[in-house]
C-alpha cells in the first residue's frame, strides 16, 4: 500500500465518528487512485466515510472518493496536477507529493 494514515484526533458526536489526521504517499501511484487505509482500530465503523475533506500543498489537488456505507470500508485518493487538472499517470509519486502531508478530515457512520 502506498498510503499511510496517521490519526491525530478522533471523536464521536453519538451518531458519527469524526477523524482528523494526515495521509503520506510513498511508492507508486496506481491507475485510478490509491486505496486509503481505513483499517485503523480507532475508526469504530466498518463503513466508508460519508464525508472526506483533504488538503495538501505541492502543486497537486487531492480528492478522496468513497462508497458511502460500503462494507468493508473503501475509499480512494486521486491526485490531480494543479496546473493542468489531469490525474497523475500510474507510476512513481512525484518528489513534491512524497514530501507533502495531506490533511485528512473524515466523518464515518457509527457502528454500521
Protein backbone atom coordinates (compact mmCIF):
# COMPACT_ATOMS: atom_id res chain seq x y z
CA UNK A 1 0.00 0.00 0.00
CA UNK A 2 1.42 3.38 -0.97
CA UNK A 3 -0.56 5.50 1.51
CA UNK A 4 -0.29 5.68 5.26
CA UNK A 5 -2.87 7.32 7.52
CA UNK A 6 -1.81 8.99 10.76
CA UNK A 7 -4.70 9.83 13.08
CA UNK A 8 -4.18 12.97 15.15
CA UNK A 9 -7.63 13.15 16.78
CA UNK A 10 -10.96 11.34 16.69
CA UNK A 11 -14.29 11.81 18.47
CA UNK A 12 -17.93 10.82 18.35
CA UNK A 13 -20.99 13.06 18.32
CA UNK A 14 -23.08 9.97 19.30
CA UNK A 15 -24.23 9.44 15.68
CA UNK A 16 -20.98 9.78 13.74
CA UNK A 17 -17.25 9.36 14.16
CA UNK A 18 -15.04 12.31 13.22
CA UNK A 19 -11.41 11.79 12.33
CA UNK A 20 -8.57 14.27 11.80
CA UNK A 21 -5.14 13.27 10.57
CA UNK A 22 -2.93 13.19 7.54
CA UNK A 23 -2.02 10.91 4.65
CA UNK A 24 1.52 10.33 3.42
CA UNK A 25 2.28 8.96 -0.03
CA UNK A 26 5.04 6.51 -0.87
CA UNK A 27 5.90 4.12 -3.64
CA UNK A 28 3.85 4.24 -6.81
CA UNK A 29 0.54 5.80 -7.75
CA UNK A 30 -1.81 3.19 -9.27
CA UNK A 31 -4.13 3.89 -12.18
CA UNK A 32 -7.45 5.25 -10.86
CA UNK A 33 -6.20 6.23 -7.42
CA UNK A 34 -4.58 4.88 -4.28
CA UNK A 35 -6.61 2.96 -1.67
CA UNK A 36 -6.89 4.87 1.61
CA UNK A 37 -6.04 2.61 4.59
CA UNK A 38 -9.18 2.75 6.74
CA UNK A 39 -8.39 -0.29 8.89
CA UNK A 40 -7.13 1.64 11.95
CA UNK A 41 -8.72 0.30 15.17
CA UNK A 42 -9.54 3.89 16.22
CA UNK A 43 -12.14 4.01 13.43
CA UNK A 44 -15.14 2.35 15.10
CA UNK A 45 -17.09 1.99 11.87
CA UNK A 46 -16.92 -0.75 9.28
CA UNK A 47 -18.39 1.55 6.63
CA UNK A 48 -16.72 4.02 4.31
CA UNK A 49 -16.70 7.69 5.24
CA UNK A 50 -19.73 9.75 4.26
CA UNK A 51 -17.70 12.99 4.12
CA UNK A 52 -13.98 13.40 3.41
CA UNK A 53 -12.02 16.63 3.06
CA UNK A 54 -8.36 16.51 2.02
CA UNK A 55 -5.95 19.37 1.54
CA UNK A 56 -2.32 19.36 0.51
CA UNK A 57 0.43 21.50 -0.97
CA UNK A 58 2.98 20.94 -3.69
CA UNK A 59 1.04 21.74 -6.86
CA UNK A 60 -1.48 18.91 -6.56
CA UNK A 61 -5.19 18.62 -5.86
CA UNK A 62 -6.23 15.64 -3.78
CA UNK A 63 -9.69 14.09 -3.94
CA UNK A 64 -10.97 11.14 -1.93
CA UNK A 65 -13.76 9.14 -3.47
CA UNK A 66 -15.64 6.67 -1.32
CA UNK A 67 -18.70 4.49 -1.48
CA UNK A 68 -20.91 5.54 1.45
CA UNK A 69 -21.86 2.68 3.75
CA UNK A 70 -19.71 0.19 1.80
CA UNK A 71 -18.54 -2.71 3.92
CA UNK A 72 -15.63 -3.19 4.19
CA UNK A 73 -14.70 0.48 4.18
CA UNK A 74 -13.44 1.59 0.78
CA UNK A 75 -12.01 4.95 -0.25
CA UNK A 76 -9.53 6.00 -2.91
CA UNK A 77 -7.21 9.03 -3.05
CA UNK A 78 -6.94 10.52 -6.53
CA UNK A 79 -4.20 13.03 -7.30
CA UNK A 80 -4.53 15.74 -9.94
CA UNK A 81 -1.86 18.12 -11.23
CA UNK A 82 -2.86 21.62 -10.14
CA UNK A 83 -1.77 23.42 -13.31
CA UNK A 84 -3.46 21.06 -15.81
CA UNK A 85 -6.25 19.33 -13.87
CA UNK A 86 -5.04 15.99 -15.25
CA UNK A 87 -4.83 12.96 -12.96
CA UNK A 88 -1.36 11.58 -12.26
CA UNK A 89 -0.45 8.68 -14.52
CA UNK A 90 0.39 5.33 -12.97
CA UNK A 91 3.98 5.34 -11.74
CA UNK A 92 6.19 6.68 -9.01
CA UNK A 93 4.79 9.53 -6.94
CA UNK A 94 6.50 12.88 -7.73
CA UNK A 95 9.00 14.05 -5.09
CA UNK A 96 6.87 17.09 -4.17
CA UNK A 97 3.93 14.79 -3.40
CA UNK A 98 6.09 12.45 -1.32
CA UNK A 99 7.14 15.32 0.95
CA UNK A 100 3.57 16.53 1.45
CA UNK A 101 1.43 15.77 4.49
CA UNK A 102 -2.09 15.62 3.06
CA UNK A 103 -4.51 16.88 5.71
CA UNK A 104 -7.42 14.50 6.19
CA UNK A 105 -10.83 15.04 7.83
CA UNK A 106 -13.48 12.35 7.59
CA UNK A 107 -16.91 11.61 9.03
CA UNK A 108 -17.97 7.98 9.39
CA UNK A 109 -21.34 6.46 10.32
CA UNK A 110 -21.07 4.93 13.76
CA UNK A 111 -21.11 1.13 14.20
CA UNK A 112 -22.60 0.28 10.82
